[in-house]
Amino acid sequence: MEHTYLVCYDICDPKRWRKVYKTMKGCGEWLQLSVFQCRLTREKVLRMSDKLSDLIDKSEDNVLIIDVGPADSVSIRVESIGRRFEPIERKAVIV
């Protein structure tokens, strides 16, 4: 079962920030500078968390992974000022 996650991060070093950003691009949709929306299974969120843990300096950086709930049944209510907010929809991935 997939859940919707918001991942927000505050990374002090620009090199580490770029690595975290590139990792997150493979996990979800970019919303704002250091905020991503992800639709992931429990296994995938654990892998993402492990990768992020290896990239950051735990004494300086911070990553928040917020579980919004089951992706198919939760209705994300977001007030957006400016560009329109689009929740991630389930779609097939062809490999």
PDB file of N, CA and C in Angstrom:
ATOM      1  N   MET A   1       0.843  -1.180   0.000  1.00  0.00           N
ATOM      2  CA  MET A   1       0.000   0.000   0.000  1.00  0.00           C
ATOM      3  C   MET A   1       0.890   1.246   0.000  1.00  0.00           C
ATOM      4  N   GLU A   2       0.592   2.167  -0.881  1.00  0.00           N
ATOM      5  CA  GLU A   2       1.349   3.416  -0.948  1.00  0.00           C
ATOM      6  C   GLU A   2       0.765   4.462  -0.006  1.00  0.00           C
ATOM      7  N   HIS A   3       1.643   5.246   0.575  1.00  0.00           N
ATOM      8  CA  HIS A   3       1.243   6.392   1.386  1.00  0.00           C
ATOM      9  C   HIS A   3       1.777   7.647   0.710  1.00  0.00           C
ATOM     10  N   THR A   4       1.160   8.765   1.009  1.00  0.00           N
ATOM     11  CA  THR A   4       1.660  10.057   0.555  1.00  0.00           C
ATOM     12  C   THR A   4       2.549  10.621   1.649  1.00  0.00           C
ATOM     13  N   TYR A   5       3.726  11.089   1.265  1.00  0.00           N
ATOM     14  CA  TYR A   5       4.681  11.655   2.204  1.00  0.00           C
ATOM     15  C   TYR A   5       5.082  13.053   1.745  1.00  0.00           C
ATOM     16  N   LEU A   6       5.280  13.940   2.700  1.00  0.00           N
ATOM     17  CA  LEU A   6       5.927  15.221   2.445  1.00  0.00           C
ATOM     18  C   LEU A   6       7.319  15.108   3.047  1.00  0.00           C
ATOM     19  N   VAL A   7       8.321  15.427   2.251  1.00  0.00           N
ATOM     20  CA  VAL A   7       9.698  15.380   2.723  1.00  0.00           C
ATOM     21  C   VAL A   7      10.256  16.798   2.633  1.00  0.00           C
ATOM     22  N   CYS A   8      10.677  17.318   3.774  1.00  0.00           N
ATOM     23  CA  CYS A   8      11.209  18.681   3.868  1.00  0.00           C
ATOM     24  C   CYS A   8      12.606  18.573   4.473  1.00  0.00           C
ATOM     25  N   TYR A   9      13.530  19.360   3.958  1.00  0.00           N
ATOM     26  CA  TYR A   9      14.884  19.258   4.479  1.00  0.00           C
ATOM     27  C   TYR A   9      15.563  20.609   4.558  1.00  0.00           C
ATOM     28  N   ASP A  10      16.465  20.696   5.524  1.00  0.00           N
ATOM     29  CA  ASP A  10      17.300  21.876   5.750  1.00  0.00           C
ATOM     30  C   ASP A  10      18.734  21.377   5.816  1.00  0.00           C
ATOM     31  N   ILE A  11      19.478  21.580   4.731  1.00  0.00           N
ATOM     32  CA  ILE A  11      20.834  21.067   4.604  1.00  0.00           C
ATOM     33  C   ILE A  11      21.794  22.254   4.584  1.00  0.00           C
ATOM     34  N   CYS A  12      22.788  22.247   5.468  1.00  0.00           N
ATOM     35  CA  CYS A  12      23.683  23.398   5.635  1.00  0.00           C
ATOM     36  C   CYS A  12      24.733  23.557   4.538  1.00  0.00           C
ATOM     37  N   ASP A  13      25.193  22.465   3.968  1.00  0.00           N
ATOM     38  CA  ASP A  13      26.265  22.509   2.972  1.00  0.00           C
ATOM     39  C   ASP A  13      25.685  22.374   1.559  1.00  0.00           C
ATOM     40  N   PRO A  14      26.023  23.286   0.630  1.00  0.00           N
ATOM     41  CA  PRO A  14      25.473  23.224  -0.732  1.00  0.00           C
ATOM     42  C   PRO A  14      25.742  21.905  -1.464  1.00  0.00           C
ATOM     43  N   LYS A  15      26.899  21.294  -1.249  1.00  0.00           N
ATOM     44  CA  LYS A  15      27.201  20.013  -1.899  1.00  0.00           C
ATOM     45  C   LYS A  15      26.276  18.914  -1.392  1.00  0.00           C
ATOM     46  N   ARG A  16      26.075  18.870  -0.084  1.00  0.00           N
ATOM     47  CA  ARG A  16      25.155  17.870   0.481  1.00  0.00           C
ATOM     48  C   ARG A  16      23.730  18.159   0.037  1.00  0.00           C
ATOM     49  N   TRP A  17      23.355  19.451  -0.032  1.00  0.00           N
ATOM     50  CA  TRP A  17      22.004  19.824  -0.467  1.00  0.00           C
ATOM     51  C   TRP A  17      21.738  19.287  -1.875  1.00  0.00           C
ATOM     52  N   ARG A  18      22.703  19.457  -2.786  1.00  0.00           N
ATOM     53  CA  ARG A  18      22.527  18.968  -4.165  1.00  0.00           C
ATOM     54  C   ARG A  18      22.356  17.456  -4.203  1.00  0.00           C
ATOM     55  N   LYS A  19      23.111  16.732  -3.389  1.00  0.00           N
ATOM     56  CA  LYS A  19      22.989  15.271  -3.344  1.00  0.00           C
ATOM     57  C   LYS A  19      21.622  14.853  -2.809  1.00  0.00           C
ATOM     58  N   VAL A  20      21.148  15.546  -1.783  1.00  0.00           N
ATOM     59  CA  VAL A  20      19.824  15.243  -1.237  1.00  0.00           C
ATOM     60  C   VAL A  20      18.754  15.563  -2.278  1.00  0.00           C
ATOM     61  N   TYR A  21      18.882  16.700  -2.948  1.00  0.00           N
ATOM     62  CA  TYR A  21      17.920  17.093  -3.986  1.00  0.00           C
ATOM     63  C   TYR A  21      17.866  16.038  -5.102  1.00  0.00           C
ATOM     64  N   LYS A  22      19.026  15.586  -5.573  1.00  0.00           N
ATOM     65  CA  LYS A  22      19.065  14.578  -6.638  1.00  0.00           C
ATOM     66  C   LYS A  22      18.438  13.267  -6.182  1.00  0.00           C
ATOM     67  N   THR A  23      18.684  12.882  -4.940  1.00  0.00           N
ATOM     68  CA  THR A  23      18.072  11.672  -4.391  1.00  0.00           C
ATOM     69  C   THR A  23      16.556  11.811  -4.355  1.00  0.00           C
ATOM     70  N   MET A  24      16.090  12.971  -3.910  1.00  0.00           N
ATOM     71  CA  MET A  24      14.646  13.193  -3.802  1.00  0.00           C
ATOM     72  C   MET A  24      13.973  13.253  -5.171  1.00  0.00           C
ATOM     73  N   LYS A  25      14.668  13.748  -6.194  1.00  0.00           N
ATOM     74  CA  LYS A  25      14.091  13.788  -7.546  1.00  0.00           C
ATOM     75  C   LYS A  25      13.707  12.381  -8.006  1.00  0.00           C
ATOM     76  N   GLY A  26      14.410  11.371  -7.506  1.00  0.00           N
ATOM     77  CA  GLY A  26      14.098   9.993  -7.857  1.00  0.00           C
ATOM     78  C   GLY A  26      13.002   9.377  -7.004  1.00  0.00           C
ATOM     79  N   CYS A  27      12.529  10.123  -6.015  1.00  0.00           N
ATOM     80  CA  CYS A  27      11.539   9.566  -5.085  1.00  0.00           C
ATOM     81  C   CYS A  27      10.169  10.221  -5.177  1.00  0.00           C
ATOM     82  N   GLY A  28      10.120  11.442  -5.685  1.00  0.00           N
ATOM     83  CA  GLY A  28       8.838  12.142  -5.685  1.00  0.00           C
ATOM     84  C   GLY A  28       8.855  13.372  -6.554  1.00  0.00           C
ATOM     85  N   GLU A  29       7.849  14.212  -6.348  1.00  0.00           N
ATOM     86  CA  GLU A  29       7.675  15.437  -7.132  1.00  0.00           C
ATOM     87  C   GLU A  29       8.118  16.631  -6.301  1.00  0.00           C
ATOM     88  N   TRP A  30       8.919  17.476  -6.917  1.00  0.00           N
ATOM     89  CA  TRP A  30       9.421  18.689  -6.284  1.00  0.00           C
ATOM     90  C   TRP A  30       8.280  19.691  -6.143  1.00  0.00           C
ATOM     91  N   LEU A  31       8.100  20.243  -4.939  1.00  0.00           N
ATOM     92  CA  LEU A  31       7.071  21.254  -4.701  1.00  0.00           C
ATOM     93  C   LEU A  31       7.672  22.639  -4.544  1.00  0.00           C
ATOM     94  N   GLN A  32       8.685  22.729  -3.692  1.00  0.00           N
ATOM     95  CA  GLN A  32       9.364  23.992  -3.434  1.00  0.00           C
ATOM     96  C   GLN A  32      10.823  23.692  -3.151  1.00  0.00           C
ATOM     97  N   LEU A  33      11.604  24.712  -2.902  1.00  0.00           N
ATOM     98  CA  LEU A  33      13.056  24.592  -2.777  1.00  0.00           C
ATOM     99  C   LEU A  33      13.511  23.312  -2.070  1.00  0.00           C
ATOM    100  N   SER A  34      13.043  23.052  -0.899  1.00  0.00           N
ATOM    101  CA  SER A  34      13.467  21.862  -0.152  1.00  0.00           C
ATOM    102  C   SER A  34      12.274  21.038   0.320  1.00  0.00           C
ATOM    103  N   VAL A  35      11.265  20.938  -0.533  1.00  0.00           N
ATOM    104  CA  VAL A  35      10.048  20.199  -0.192  1.00  0.00           C
ATOM    105  C   VAL A  35       9.646  19.312  -1.368  1.00  0.00           C
ATOM    106  N   PHE A  36       9.420  18.027  -1.072  1.00  0.00           N
ATOM    107  CA  PHE A  36       8.972  17.073  -2.072  1.00  0.00           C
ATOM    108  C   PHE A  36       7.714  16.372  -1.595  1.00  0.00           C
ATOM    109  N   GLN A  37       6.871  15.995  -2.542  1.00  0.00           N
ATOM    110  CA  GLN A  37       5.694  15.174  -2.298  1.00  0.00           C
ATOM    111  C   GLN A  37       6.000  13.804  -2.904  1.00  0.00           C
ATOM    112  N   CYS A  38       5.831  12.757  -2.109  1.00  0.00           N
ATOM    113  CA  CYS A  38       6.173  11.411  -2.573  1.00  0.00           C
ATOM    114  C   CYS A  38       4.990  10.471  -2.349  1.00  0.00           C
ATOM    115  N   ARG A  39       4.862   9.531  -3.255  1.00  0.00           N
ATOM    116  CA  ARG A  39       3.869   8.462  -3.133  1.00  0.00           C
ATOM    117  C   ARG A  39       4.675   7.171  -3.127  1.00  0.00           C
ATOM    118  N   LEU A  40       4.812   6.557  -1.928  1.00  0.00           N
ATOM    119  CA  LEU A  40       5.745   5.450  -1.755  1.00  0.00           C
ATOM    120  C   LEU A  40       5.157   4.323  -0.916  1.00  0.00           C
ATOM    121  N   THR A  41       5.650   3.107  -1.175  1.00  0.00           N
ATOM    122  CA  THR A  41       5.353   1.982  -0.298  1.00  0.00           C
ATOM    123  C   THR A  41       6.233   2.109   0.941  1.00  0.00           C
ATOM    124  N   ARG A  42       5.956   1.329   1.944  1.00  0.00           N
ATOM    125  CA  ARG A  42       6.762   1.359   3.175  1.00  0.00           C
ATOM    126  C   ARG A  42       8.212   0.984   2.875  1.00  0.00           C
ATOM    127  N   GLU A  43       8.399  -0.016   2.005  1.00  0.00           N
ATOM    128  CA  GLU A  43       9.756  -0.436   1.634  1.00  0.00           C
ATOM    129  C   GLU A  43      10.517   0.706   0.961  1.00  0.00           C
ATOM    130  N   LYS A  44       9.878   1.418   0.044  1.00  0.00           N
ATOM    131  CA  LYS A  44      10.547   2.509  -0.667  1.00  0.00           C
ATOM    132  C   LYS A  44      10.859   3.683   0.254  1.00  0.00           C
ATOM    133  N   VAL A  45       9.973   3.975   1.192  1.00  0.00           N
ATOM    134  CA  VAL A  45      10.259   5.086   2.104  1.00  0.00           C
ATOM    135  C   VAL A  45      11.425   4.725   3.032  1.00  0.00           C
ATOM    136  N   LEU A  46      11.551   3.460   3.393  1.00  0.00           N
ATOM    137  CA  LEU A  46      12.682   3.045   4.221  1.00  0.00           C
ATOM    138  C   LEU A  46      13.994   3.143   3.438  1.00  0.00           C
ATOM    139  N   ARG A  47      13.972   2.756   2.150  1.00  0.00           N
ATOM    140  CA  ARG A  47      15.172   2.889   1.315  1.00  0.00           C
ATOM    141  C   ARG A  47      15.553   4.358   1.145  1.00  0.00           C
ATOM    142  N   MET A  48      14.537   5.222   0.910  1.00  0.00           N
ATOM    143  CA  MET A  48      14.787   6.650   0.765  1.00  0.00           C
ATOM    144  C   MET A  48      15.399   7.205   2.053  1.00  0.00           C
ATOM    145  N   SER A  49      14.850   6.832   3.171  1.00  0.00           N
ATOM    146  CA  SER A  49      15.333   7.297   4.467  1.00  0.00           C
ATOM    147  C   SER A  49      16.784   6.869   4.701  1.00  0.00           C
ATOM    148  N   ASP A  50      17.109   5.624   4.343  1.00  0.00           N
ATOM    149  CA  ASP A  50      18.491   5.144   4.486  1.00  0.00           C
ATOM    150  C   ASP A  50      19.448   5.948   3.612  1.00  0.00           C
ATOM    151  N   LYS A  51      19.052   6.212   2.354  1.00  0.00           N
ATOM    152  CA  LYS A  51      19.907   6.997   1.457  1.00  0.00           C
ATOM    153  C   LYS A  51      20.136   8.392   2.013  1.00  0.00           C
ATOM    154  N   LEU A  52      19.048   9.031   2.470  1.00  0.00           N
ATOM    155  CA  LEU A  52      19.164  10.385   3.014  1.00  0.00           C
ATOM    156  C   LEU A  52      20.036  10.404   4.261  1.00  0.00           C
ATOM    157  N   SER A  53      19.890   9.404   5.092  1.00  0.00           N
ATOM    158  CA  SER A  53      20.681   9.312   6.317  1.00  0.00           C
ATOM    159  C   SER A  53      22.174   9.232   6.013  1.00  0.00           C
ATOM    160  N   ASP A  54      22.511   8.546   4.911  1.00  0.00           N
ATOM    161  CA  ASP A  54      23.916   8.440   4.514  1.00  0.00           C
ATOM    162  C   ASP A  54      24.461   9.755   3.950  1.00  0.00           C
ATOM    163  N   LEU A  55      23.600  10.606   3.405  1.00  0.00           N
ATOM    164  CA  LEU A  55      24.034  11.833   2.741  1.00  0.00           C
ATOM    165  C   LEU A  55      24.203  13.031   3.678  1.00  0.00           C
ATOM    166  N   ILE A  56      23.433  13.069   4.749  1.00  0.00           N
ATOM    167  CA  ILE A  56      23.422  14.276   5.581  1.00  0.00           C
ATOM    168  C   ILE A  56      24.436  14.209   6.715  1.00  0.00           C
ATOM    169  N   ASP A  57      24.731  15.377   7.265  1.00  0.00           N
ATOM    170  CA  ASP A  57      25.521  15.488   8.490  1.00  0.00           C
ATOM    171  C   ASP A  57      24.502  15.639   9.620  1.00  0.00           C
ATOM    172  N   LYS A  58      24.360  14.607  10.428  1.00  0.00           N
ATOM    173  CA  LYS A  58      23.308  14.578  11.449  1.00  0.00           C
ATOM    174  C   LYS A  58      23.468  15.645  12.527  1.00  0.00           C
ATOM    175  N   SER A  59      24.657  16.239  12.627  1.00  0.00           N
ATOM    176  CA  SER A  59      24.853  17.294  13.623  1.00  0.00           C
ATOM    177  C   SER A  59      24.471  18.671  13.076  1.00  0.00           C
ATOM    178  N   GLU A  60      24.338  18.803  11.743  1.00  0.00           N
ATOM    179  CA  GLU A  60      24.029  20.100  11.136  1.00  0.00           C
ATOM    180  C   GLU A  60      22.725  20.131  10.351  1.00  0.00           C
ATOM    181  N   ASP A  61      22.351  19.006   9.737  1.00  0.00           N
ATOM    182  CA  ASP A  61      21.230  18.964   8.799  1.00  0.00           C
ATOM    183  C   ASP A  61      19.983  18.364   9.441  1.00  0.00           C
ATOM    184  N   ASN A  62      18.854  18.564   8.761  1.00  0.00           N
ATOM    185  CA  ASN A  62      17.582  18.043   9.256  1.00  0.00           C
ATOM    186  C   ASN A  62      16.715  17.630   8.072  1.00  0.00           C
ATOM    187  N   VAL A  63      16.119  16.440   8.159  1.00  0.00           N
ATOM    188  CA  VAL A  63      15.170  15.968   7.157  1.00  0.00           C
ATOM    189  C   VAL A  63      13.915  15.536   7.894  1.00  0.00           C
ATOM    190  N   LEU A  64      12.758  16.034   7.446  1.00  0.00           N
ATOM    191  CA  LEU A  64      11.470  15.631   8.010  1.00  0.00           C
ATOM    192  C   LEU A  64      10.733  14.803   6.971  1.00  0.00           C
ATOM    193  N   ILE A  65      10.250  13.626   7.359  1.00  0.00           N
ATOM    194  CA  ILE A  65       9.446  12.775   6.488  1.00  0.00           C
ATOM    195  C   ILE A  65       8.078  12.670   7.157  1.00  0.00           C
ATOM    196  N   ILE A  66       7.080  13.300   6.544  1.00  0.00           N
ATOM    197  CA  ILE A  66       5.749  13.398   7.129  1.00  0.00           C
ATOM    198  C   ILE A  66       4.807  12.471   6.373  1.00  0.00           C
ATOM    199  N   ASP A  67       4.258  11.476   7.076  1.00  0.00           N
ATOM    200  CA  ASP A  67       3.315  10.524   6.491  1.00  0.00           C
ATOM    201  C   ASP A  67       1.921  11.151   6.529  1.00  0.00           C
ATOM    202  N   VAL A  68       1.401  11.485   5.349  1.00  0.00           N
ATOM    203  CA  VAL A  68       0.092  12.131   5.252  1.00  0.00           C
ATOM    204  C   VAL A  68      -1.028  11.095   5.319  1.00  0.00           C
ATOM    205  N   GLY A  69      -0.740   9.861   4.920  1.00  0.00           N
ATOM    206  CA  GLY A  69      -1.722   8.791   4.993  1.00  0.00           C
ATOM    207  C   GLY A  69      -1.778   7.984   3.712  1.00  0.00           C
ATOM    208  N   PRO A  70      -2.678   6.982   3.674  1.00  0.00           N
ATOM    209  CA  PRO A  70      -2.798   6.131   2.490  1.00  0.00           C
ATOM    210  C   PRO A  70      -3.092   6.962   1.239  1.00  0.00           C
ATOM    211  N   ALA A  71      -2.296   6.748   0.196  1.00  0.00           N
ATOM    212  CA  ALA A  71      -2.377   7.584  -1.002  1.00  0.00           C
ATOM    213  C   ALA A  71      -3.731   7.482  -1.705  1.00  0.00           C
ATOM    214  N   ASP A  72      -4.360   6.316  -1.664  1.00  0.00           N
ATOM    215  CA  ASP A  72      -5.625   6.147  -2.375  1.00  0.00           C
ATOM    216  C   ASP A  72      -6.837   6.659  -1.610  1.00  0.00           C
ATOM    217  N   SER A  73      -6.712   6.800  -0.293  1.00  0.00           N
ATOM    218  CA  SER A  73      -7.895   7.190   0.473  1.00  0.00           C
ATOM    219  C   SER A  73      -7.789   8.547   1.154  1.00  0.00           C
ATOM    220  N   VAL A  74      -6.594   9.113   1.232  1.00  0.00           N
ATOM    221  CA  VAL A  74      -6.458  10.410   1.885  1.00  0.00           C
ATOM    222  C   VAL A  74      -6.708  11.518   0.861  1.00  0.00           C
ATOM    223  N   SER A  75      -7.407  12.526   1.276  1.00  0.00           N
ATOM    224  CA  SER A  75      -7.656  13.678   0.414  1.00  0.00           C
ATOM    225  C   SER A  75      -6.801  14.827   0.933  1.00  0.00           C
ATOM    226  N   ILE A  76      -5.739  15.144   0.168  1.00  0.00           N
ATOM    227  CA  ILE A  76      -4.822  16.188   0.605  1.00  0.00           C
ATOM    228  C   ILE A  76      -5.459  17.548   0.346  1.00  0.00           C
ATOM    229  N   ARG A  77      -5.619  18.324   1.412  1.00  0.00           N
ATOM    230  CA  ARG A  77      -6.172  19.672   1.278  1.00  0.00           C
ATOM    231  C   ARG A  77      -5.026  20.652   1.434  1.00  0.00           C
ATOM    232  N   VAL A  78      -4.758  21.377   0.377  1.00  0.00           N
ATOM    233  CA  VAL A  78      -3.642  22.318   0.365  1.00  0.00           C
ATOM    234  C   VAL A  78      -4.140  23.656  -0.144  1.00  0.00           C
ATOM    235  N   GLU A  79      -3.808  24.701   0.567  1.00  0.00           N
ATOM    236  CA  GLU A  79      -4.084  26.050   0.076  1.00  0.00           C
ATOM    237  C   GLU A  79      -2.810  26.540  -0.590  1.00  0.00           C
ATOM    238  N   SER A  80      -2.907  26.891  -1.842  1.00  0.00           N
ATOM    239  CA  SER A  80      -1.750  27.322  -2.611  1.00  0.00           C
ATOM    240  C   SER A  80      -1.947  28.754  -3.088  1.00  0.00           C
ATOM    241  N   ILE A  81      -0.972  29.576  -2.822  1.00  0.00           N
ATOM    242  CA  ILE A  81      -0.983  30.948  -3.323  1.00  0.00           C
ATOM    243  C   ILE A  81       0.078  31.012  -4.404  1.00  0.00           C
ATOM    244  N   GLY A  82      -0.306  31.312  -5.611  1.00  0.00           N
ATOM    245  CA  GLY A  82       0.640  31.287  -6.732  1.00  0.00           C
ATOM    246  C   GLY A  82       0.366  30.080  -7.597  1.00  0.00           C
ATOM    247  N   ARG A  83       1.449  29.368  -7.974  1.00  0.00           N
ATOM    248  CA  ARG A  83       1.294  28.200  -8.844  1.00  0.00           C
ATOM    249  C   ARG A  83       0.356  27.174  -8.246  1.00  0.00           C
ATOM    250  N   ARG A  84      -0.355  26.502  -9.094  1.00  0.00           N
ATOM    251  CA  ARG A  84      -1.334  25.494  -8.683  1.00  0.00           C
ATOM    252  C   ARG A  84      -0.631  24.260  -8.115  1.00  0.00           C
ATOM    253  N   PHE A  85      -1.155  23.722  -7.016  1.00  0.00           N
ATOM    254  CA  PHE A  85      -0.657  22.498  -6.393  1.00  0.00           C
ATOM    255  C   PHE A  85      -1.332  21.303  -7.056  1.00  0.00           C
ATOM    256  N   GLU A  86      -0.532  20.306  -7.449  1.00  0.00           N
ATOM    257  CA  GLU A  86      -1.048  19.085  -8.062  1.00  0.00           C
ATOM    258  C   GLU A  86      -0.615  17.881  -7.228  1.00  0.00           C
ATOM    259  N   PRO A  87      -1.548  17.169  -6.593  1.00  0.00           N
ATOM    260  CA  PRO A  87      -1.151  15.962  -5.861  1.00  0.00           C
ATOM    261  C   PRO A  87      -0.674  14.888  -6.828  1.00  0.00           C
ATOM    262  N   ILE A  88       0.218  14.040  -6.376  1.00  0.00           N
ATOM    263  CA  ILE A  88       0.733  12.942  -7.200  1.00  0.00           C
ATOM    264  C   ILE A  88      -0.373  11.921  -7.408  1.00  0.00           C
ATOM    265  N   GLU A  89      -0.579  11.537  -8.655  1.00  0.00           N
ATOM    266  CA  GLU A  89      -1.564  10.511  -8.970  1.00  0.00           C
ATOM    267  C   GLU A  89      -0.845   9.211  -9.259  1.00  0.00           C
ATOM    268  N   ARG A  90      -1.544   8.127  -9.022  1.00  0.00           N
ATOM    269  CA  ARG A  90      -0.962   6.820  -9.336  1.00  0.00           C
ATOM    270  C   ARG A  90      -0.929   6.648 -10.844  1.00  0.00           C
ATOM    271  N   LYS A  91       0.224   6.260 -11.361  1.00  0.00           N
ATOM    272  CA  LYS A  91       0.341   6.022 -12.800  1.00  0.00           C
ATOM    273  C   LYS A  91       1.327   4.893 -13.028  1.00  0.00           C
ATOM    274  N   ALA A  92       1.130   4.202 -14.123  1.00  0.00           N
ATOM    275  CA  ALA A  92       2.000   3.076 -14.462  1.00  0.00           C
ATOM    276  C   ALA A  92       3.375   3.577 -14.852  1.00  0.00           C
ATOM    277  N   VAL A  93       4.389   2.828 -14.490  1.00  0.00           N
ATOM    278  CA  VAL A  93       5.758   3.135 -14.864  1.00  0.00           C
ATOM    279  C   VAL A  93       6.249   1.999 -15.749  1.00  0.00           C
ATOM    280  N   ILE A  94       6.654   2.328 -16.958  1.00  0.00           N
ATOM    281  CA  ILE A  94       7.149   1.330 -17.891  1.00  0.00           C
ATOM    282  C   ILE A  94       8.667   1.318 -17.838  1.00  0.00           C
ATOM    283  N   VAL A  95       9.226   0.152 -17.564  1.00  0.00           N
ATOM    284  CA  VAL A  95      10.677   0.019 -17.438  1.00  0.00           C
ATOM    285  C   VAL A  95      11.236  -0.716 -18.637  1.00  0.00           C
TER     286      VAL A  95
END
